Each structure stands twice: as C-alpha cells, then as structure tokens.
N, C-alpha and C. Protein backbone atom coordinates (compact mmCIF):
# COMPACT_ATOMS: atom_id res chain seq x y z
N MET A 1 0.96 -1.18 0.29
CA MET A 1 0.41 -0.05 0.19
C MET A 1 1.32 1.42 -0.16
N SER A 2 0.71 2.04 -1.08
CA SER A 2 1.79 3.10 -0.96
C SER A 2 1.03 4.05 0.04
N ASN A 3 2.11 4.96 0.59
CA ASN A 3 2.34 5.98 1.43
C ASN A 3 1.13 6.90 1.32
N LYS A 4 0.67 7.32 0.02
CA LYS A 4 0.20 8.28 -0.74
C LYS A 4 -1.82 8.12 -0.36
N SER A 5 -1.88 6.66 -0.09
CA SER A 5 -3.01 6.03 0.49
C SER A 5 -3.53 6.50 1.01
N GLU A 6 -5.42 6.84 1.16
CA GLU A 6 -6.38 7.14 2.28
C GLU A 6 -5.77 6.20 3.20
N TYR A 7 -5.84 5.18 3.21
CA TYR A 7 -5.87 3.69 4.09
C TYR A 7 -4.37 3.37 4.73
N TYR A 8 -3.30 4.20 4.10
CA TYR A 8 -2.06 3.97 4.74
C TYR A 8 -1.98 4.20 6.18
N GLU A 9 -2.40 5.61 6.66
CA GLU A 9 -2.41 5.27 8.14
C GLU A 9 -3.31 4.13 8.73
N ASP A 10 -4.37 3.95 8.60
CA ASP A 10 -5.05 2.73 9.20
C ASP A 10 -4.39 1.38 9.27
N ALA A 11 -3.59 1.19 7.52
CA ALA A 11 -2.66 -0.08 7.86
C ALA A 11 -1.55 0.34 8.71
N VAL A 12 -1.06 0.90 8.67
CA VAL A 12 0.24 0.97 9.36
C VAL A 12 -0.35 0.85 11.02
N GLN A 13 -0.90 1.47 11.57
CA GLN A 13 -1.63 1.91 12.48
C GLN A 13 -2.03 -0.22 13.09
N ARG A 14 -2.89 -0.74 12.44
CA ARG A 14 -3.34 -2.14 12.66
C ARG A 14 -2.07 -2.82 12.68
N PHE A 15 -0.94 -2.83 11.33
CA PHE A 15 0.47 -3.50 11.43
C PHE A 15 0.59 -3.31 13.03
N ARG A 16 0.98 -2.35 13.50
CA ARG A 16 1.48 -1.89 15.21
C ARG A 16 0.75 -2.87 16.08
N THR A 17 -0.68 -2.68 15.62
CA THR A 17 -1.80 -3.78 16.92
C THR A 17 -0.96 -4.98 16.61
N ILE A 18 -1.48 -5.73 15.73
CA ILE A 18 -1.00 -6.79 15.57
C ILE A 18 0.62 -7.06 15.92
N CYS A 19 1.58 -6.53 15.72
CA CYS A 19 2.32 -6.69 15.88
C CYS A 19 3.42 -5.90 17.21
N GLU A 20 3.53 -5.54 17.76
CA GLU A 20 3.32 -4.10 19.08
C GLU A 20 3.74 -5.20 20.14
N GLY A 21 4.82 -5.10 20.62
CA GLY A 21 5.20 -6.18 22.17
C GLY A 21 4.52 -7.42 21.93
N ARG A 22 5.17 -8.24 20.81
CA ARG A 22 4.84 -9.43 20.62
C ARG A 22 6.41 -9.79 19.97
N LYS A 23 6.50 -11.30 20.06
CA LYS A 23 7.66 -11.72 19.84
C LYS A 23 7.49 -12.43 18.74
N LEU A 24 7.86 -12.42 17.48
CA LEU A 24 7.68 -12.59 15.91
C LEU A 24 8.72 -13.92 15.62
N ILE A 25 8.57 -14.50 14.54
CA ILE A 25 9.62 -14.94 13.61
C ILE A 25 9.46 -14.31 12.68
N ALA A 26 10.45 -14.01 11.99
CA ALA A 26 10.62 -13.06 10.45
C ALA A 26 10.87 -13.93 9.27
N VAL A 27 10.41 -15.26 8.83
CA VAL A 27 11.11 -16.00 7.84
C VAL A 27 11.59 -15.30 6.32
N ILE A 28 12.84 -15.10 6.28
CA ILE A 28 13.34 -14.86 4.81
C ILE A 28 12.87 -15.82 3.62
N ASP A 29 11.91 -14.87 2.96
CA ASP A 29 11.67 -16.31 2.03
C ASP A 29 12.48 -15.95 0.17
N TYR A 30 12.96 -15.00 0.38
CA TYR A 30 13.86 -14.67 -0.85
C TYR A 30 14.39 -13.31 -0.05
N LYS A 31 15.69 -13.44 -1.00
CA LYS A 31 16.44 -12.32 -0.32
C LYS A 31 17.16 -11.58 -2.07
N GLU A 32 17.24 -10.13 -2.26
CA GLU A 32 17.14 -9.60 -3.47
C GLU A 32 18.22 -8.08 -3.84
N GLY A 33 19.32 -8.73 -3.67
CA GLY A 33 20.26 -7.50 -3.10
C GLY A 33 20.13 -7.32 -1.68
N PRO A 34 19.82 -6.16 -1.43
CA PRO A 34 19.86 -6.03 0.27
C PRO A 34 18.21 -5.73 0.81
N LEU A 35 16.98 -6.00 -0.46
CA LEU A 35 15.45 -6.48 -0.32
C LEU A 35 15.73 -7.73 0.45
N LEU A 36 14.95 -7.72 1.36
CA LEU A 36 13.94 -9.23 1.94
C LEU A 36 13.17 -9.09 1.90
N HIS A 37 12.32 -10.15 1.63
CA HIS A 37 10.71 -10.17 1.17
C HIS A 37 10.52 -11.69 2.47
N LEU A 38 9.83 -11.21 3.34
CA LEU A 38 9.98 -11.80 4.60
C LEU A 38 8.23 -12.27 4.61
N ARG A 39 8.34 -12.85 5.68
CA ARG A 39 6.47 -13.55 6.27
C ARG A 39 6.97 -13.76 7.37
N LEU A 40 6.24 -12.60 8.14
CA LEU A 40 6.06 -12.45 9.83
C LEU A 40 5.15 -13.70 10.47
N ILE A 41 5.57 -14.55 11.16
CA ILE A 41 4.73 -15.57 11.92
C ILE A 41 4.89 -15.42 13.20
N ASP A 42 3.75 -15.36 14.00
CA ASP A 42 3.39 -15.14 15.64
C ASP A 42 3.29 -16.84 15.99
N PRO A 43 4.62 -17.31 16.32
CA PRO A 43 4.69 -18.65 16.84
C PRO A 43 3.84 -18.85 18.42
N SER A 44 3.48 -17.94 18.77
CA SER A 44 2.02 -18.23 20.31
C SER A 44 0.89 -18.95 19.40
N ASP A 45 0.54 -18.33 17.95
CA ASP A 45 -0.64 -18.70 17.42
C ASP A 45 -0.68 -19.65 16.77
N PRO A 46 -1.98 -20.77 17.44
CA PRO A 46 -1.99 -22.18 17.13
C PRO A 46 -2.03 -22.75 15.79
N VAL A 47 -2.86 -21.66 14.89
CA VAL A 47 -2.78 -21.81 13.99
C VAL A 47 -1.50 -21.93 12.76
N SER A 48 -0.57 -21.36 13.55
CA SER A 48 0.39 -20.69 12.77
C SER A 48 1.52 -22.17 12.69
N SER A 49 1.14 -23.24 13.80
CA SER A 49 1.97 -24.17 13.95
C SER A 49 1.71 -25.45 13.19
N THR A 50 0.20 -25.07 12.69
CA THR A 50 -0.58 -26.64 11.60
C THR A 50 -0.29 -26.10 10.36
N ASP A 51 -0.45 -24.47 9.92
CA ASP A 51 -0.52 -24.33 8.67
C ASP A 51 0.57 -23.79 8.17
N PRO A 52 1.20 -23.83 7.23
CA PRO A 52 2.72 -23.13 7.06
C PRO A 52 2.48 -22.19 6.34
N ASP A 53 0.76 -21.74 5.78
CA ASP A 53 1.20 -20.81 4.77
C ASP A 53 0.07 -19.15 5.91
N SER A 54 0.40 -19.67 6.91
CA SER A 54 -0.15 -18.54 8.07
C SER A 54 0.71 -17.56 8.44
N SER A 55 0.63 -16.60 7.77
CA SER A 55 1.38 -15.24 8.43
C SER A 55 0.74 -14.11 8.57
N ILE A 56 1.27 -13.31 9.43
CA ILE A 56 0.62 -11.75 9.39
C ILE A 56 0.02 -10.89 8.29
N ASN A 57 1.36 -11.78 7.14
CA ASN A 57 1.50 -10.77 5.90
C ASN A 57 -0.15 -11.33 5.38
N ALA A 58 -0.25 -12.84 5.71
CA ALA A 58 -2.21 -13.18 4.83
C ALA A 58 -2.62 -12.03 5.75
N ASP A 59 -2.85 -11.99 7.05
CA ASP A 59 -3.75 -11.82 7.90
C ASP A 59 -4.11 -10.00 7.47
N LEU A 60 -2.93 -9.33 7.02
CA LEU A 60 -3.25 -7.90 6.78
C LEU A 60 -3.83 -8.43 5.23
N VAL A 61 -3.73 -8.63 4.19
CA VAL A 61 -4.15 -9.19 3.05
C VAL A 61 -5.61 -9.06 3.06
N ARG A 62 -5.50 -10.25 3.91
CA ARG A 62 -6.86 -10.19 4.51
C ARG A 62 -8.09 -9.91 5.30
N GLU A 63 -7.29 -8.65 5.39
CA GLU A 63 -8.10 -7.37 6.00
C GLU A 63 -8.28 -6.38 5.21
N GLY A 64 -7.95 -6.42 4.07
CA GLY A 64 -7.84 -5.53 2.76
C GLY A 64 -7.00 -4.22 3.58
N PHE A 65 -5.45 -4.42 4.21
CA PHE A 65 -4.55 -3.59 4.70
C PHE A 65 -3.35 -3.55 3.72
N ALA A 66 -2.99 -4.95 3.33
CA ALA A 66 -2.53 -5.05 2.53
C ALA A 66 -2.62 -5.45 1.12
N THR A 67 -1.59 -5.85 0.66
CA THR A 67 -2.15 -6.10 -1.37
C THR A 67 -0.73 -7.13 -1.67
N VAL A 68 -0.83 -7.65 -2.60
CA VAL A 68 0.37 -8.57 -3.35
C VAL A 68 0.65 -7.06 -4.29
N ASP A 69 2.16 -7.36 -4.70
CA ASP A 69 2.58 -7.03 -5.53
C ASP A 69 2.97 -7.72 -6.78
N LYS A 70 2.50 -7.88 -7.39
CA LYS A 70 2.77 -8.69 -8.28
C LYS A 70 3.91 -8.53 -9.27
N LYS A 71 3.74 -7.18 -9.50
CA LYS A 71 4.63 -6.82 -10.85
C LYS A 71 5.80 -6.46 -9.98
N GLY A 72 6.04 -6.19 -8.65
CA GLY A 72 7.92 -5.95 -8.16
C GLY A 72 8.41 -7.06 -7.38
N THR A 73 7.66 -7.75 -7.69
CA THR A 73 8.18 -9.64 -6.98
C THR A 73 8.72 -10.12 -7.93
N PRO A 74 10.05 -10.24 -7.68
CA PRO A 74 11.09 -11.60 -8.72
C PRO A 74 9.65 -12.97 -9.16
N GLY A 75 9.95 -12.93 -10.49
CA GLY A 75 9.30 -14.09 -11.05
C GLY A 75 10.06 -15.41 -9.94
N LYS A 76 11.20 -15.22 -9.64
CA LYS A 76 11.84 -16.39 -8.94
C LYS A 76 11.13 -16.81 -7.69
N TYR A 77 11.01 -16.01 -6.72
CA TYR A 77 10.29 -16.05 -5.57
C TYR A 77 8.79 -16.98 -5.94
N LEU A 78 8.13 -16.05 -6.61
CA LEU A 78 6.68 -16.26 -7.51
C LEU A 78 6.74 -17.84 -7.76
N GLN A 79 7.65 -17.98 -8.09
CA GLN A 79 7.83 -19.51 -8.25
C GLN A 79 7.84 -20.64 -7.45
N SER A 80 8.59 -20.30 -6.67
CA SER A 80 9.64 -21.03 -5.30
C SER A 80 8.25 -20.79 -4.18
N HIS A 81 7.04 -19.73 -4.04
CA HIS A 81 6.40 -20.27 -3.02
C HIS A 81 4.91 -19.60 -3.77
N PRO A 82 4.40 -21.35 -4.17
CA PRO A 82 3.25 -21.02 -4.89
C PRO A 82 2.04 -20.84 -4.11
N SER A 83 2.21 -21.82 -2.72
CA SER A 83 0.98 -22.23 -1.77
C SER A 83 0.82 -20.82 -0.68
N ILE A 84 2.01 -20.08 -0.90
CA ILE A 84 1.61 -19.22 0.06
C ILE A 84 1.12 -17.72 -1.21
N LEU A 85 1.66 -17.66 -2.50
CA LEU A 85 0.88 -16.84 -3.36
C LEU A 85 -0.91 -17.19 -3.66
N THR A 86 -1.15 -18.66 -3.22
CA THR A 86 -2.12 -19.29 -3.30
C THR A 86 -2.74 -18.19 -2.60
N ARG A 87 -2.50 -18.27 -1.39
CA ARG A 87 -3.42 -18.09 0.44
C ARG A 87 -3.43 -16.59 -0.01
N LEU A 88 -2.33 -15.77 -0.30
CA LEU A 88 -2.88 -14.17 -0.23
C LEU A 88 -3.61 -13.82 -1.30
N ALA A 89 -3.76 -14.58 -2.48
CA ALA A 89 -4.23 -14.23 -3.72
C ALA A 89 -6.14 -14.50 -2.83
N GLU A 90 -6.14 -15.23 -2.45
CA GLU A 90 -7.55 -16.09 -1.77
C GLU A 90 -7.72 -15.00 -0.98
N ASN A 91 -6.71 -14.77 0.09
CA ASN A 91 -7.46 -13.34 1.30
C ASN A 91 -7.46 -12.20 0.61
N LEU A 92 -7.07 -11.93 -0.40
CA LEU A 92 -7.47 -10.50 -1.63
C LEU A 92 -8.51 -10.49 -1.96
N ARG A 93 -9.09 -11.75 -2.73
CA ARG A 93 -10.31 -11.82 -3.32
C ARG A 93 -11.27 -11.88 -2.29
N LEU A 94 -11.36 -11.94 -1.14
CA LEU A 94 -12.16 -12.27 0.38
C LEU A 94 -12.15 -10.94 0.54
N ALA A 95 -10.90 -9.91 1.15
CA ALA A 95 -11.06 -9.01 1.38
C ALA A 95 -12.07 -8.01 0.43
N LYS A 96 -11.88 -8.38 -1.10
CA LYS A 96 -12.51 -7.54 -2.08
C LYS A 96 -14.26 -7.87 -1.96
N ARG A 97 -14.07 -8.88 -1.87
CA ARG A 97 -15.55 -9.22 -2.28
C ARG A 97 -16.29 -8.86 -0.49
N GLU A 98 -15.50 -9.38 0.52
CA GLU A 98 -16.51 -8.54 1.84
C GLU A 98 -16.13 -6.85 1.35
N ARG A 99 -15.71 -6.04 1.21
CA ARG A 99 -15.11 -4.51 0.71
C ARG A 99 -14.85 -4.17 2.35
N LEU A 100 -13.69 -4.99 2.69
CA LEU A 100 -12.63 -4.52 3.53
C LEU A 100 -11.63 -3.98 4.40
N GLY A 101 -11.12 -3.02 4.35
CA GLY A 101 -9.83 -1.74 4.15
C GLY A 101 -9.89 -0.88 3.30
N GLN A 102 -8.69 -1.29 2.07
CA GLN A 102 -9.10 -0.44 0.90
C GLN A 102 -9.81 -0.74 0.02
N PHE A 103 -10.35 -1.71 0.38
CA PHE A 103 -11.32 -2.22 -0.39
C PHE A 103 -13.04 -1.65 -0.41
N GLU A 104 -13.24 -1.44 1.15
CA GLU A 104 -14.13 -0.53 1.32
C GLU A 104 -15.70 -0.16 -0.05
N LEU A 105 -14.75 0.83 -0.96
CA LEU A 105 -15.78 1.25 -2.05
C LEU A 105 -15.49 0.37 -3.12
N GLY A 106 -15.30 -0.60 -2.91
CA GLY A 106 -15.17 -1.84 -4.30
C GLY A 106 -13.35 -1.67 -4.40
N ASP A 107 -13.03 -2.82 -5.74
CA ASP A 107 -11.79 -3.05 -5.97
C ASP A 107 -11.04 -1.61 -6.60
N VAL A 108 -9.89 -1.13 -6.23
CA VAL A 108 -9.06 0.05 -6.43
C VAL A 108 -8.00 -0.43 -6.91
N GLU A 109 -7.82 -1.92 -7.41
CA GLU A 109 -6.47 -2.63 -8.25
C GLU A 109 -6.88 -2.24 -9.81
N GLU A 110 -5.84 -2.06 -10.01
CA GLU A 110 -5.91 -2.06 -11.60
C GLU A 110 -6.53 -3.65 -12.12
N ASP A 111 -5.90 -4.45 -11.99
CA ASP A 111 -6.15 -5.62 -12.30
C ASP A 111 -6.92 -6.58 -10.97
N ASP A 112 -7.99 -7.40 -11.59
CA ASP A 112 -9.20 -7.93 -11.12
C ASP A 112 -8.29 -9.18 -10.91
N ASP A 113 -8.07 -10.00 -9.32
CA ASP A 113 -7.51 -11.02 -9.37
C ASP A 113 -8.78 -12.14 -8.99
C-alpha cells in the first residue's frame, strides 16, 4: 500500500496493533540484493503451527490492509512459493468481496484477481 493512500495510516495502525509487544519470527523467503521478502509469523498463534502458509502478511491482506505486488515481486520468488501466493490471492479476493479496508468502496486495483 502506497503511503499516499488514504488507508495508509489505518494499515500502519493495524500492523502496529498486530505486532507491537509480541515476539515474532521473520522468515526470509527471498533475498534480492539488500531487499528481503519476509513473512512474519506469530509462534504463539496455534494456527501457525499447523498451517505453513499462515502469517501476519496473509492476515493483513485478508483484512484489506495490504495487497500483493505481483509486478515488483521477482518471478523466481513467485515460482518457488506457490502455496503462499495462492493463500494471499485467496485472502485478497475475500477482502475485495467483503469490502474490507482499502476495498470498502470496491476494487481499487487495476487488475481483477
């Protein structure tokens, strides 16, 4: 989500609410020079112990506070993590359908996932 979005502050606040004061695990899925593609996992969440695709990233997408940057994500990463991307795409569809977060007024993305 761009910091120019009217939902940016809401997204930052939600991220803080989810993460602040908690011990999280950052899984490095892909490294592109100095850029790290991370998944944040809450080890105290019982779902994360049974579902390898569960993450705070997926939760934020499901709530409409994040999206998937397919254009800026390297193809090698996309190909090596299909189940994670499937989860994110499913969560994105749900957020759009339920008009959550940035989708409260409808689909704001150019391409319809």
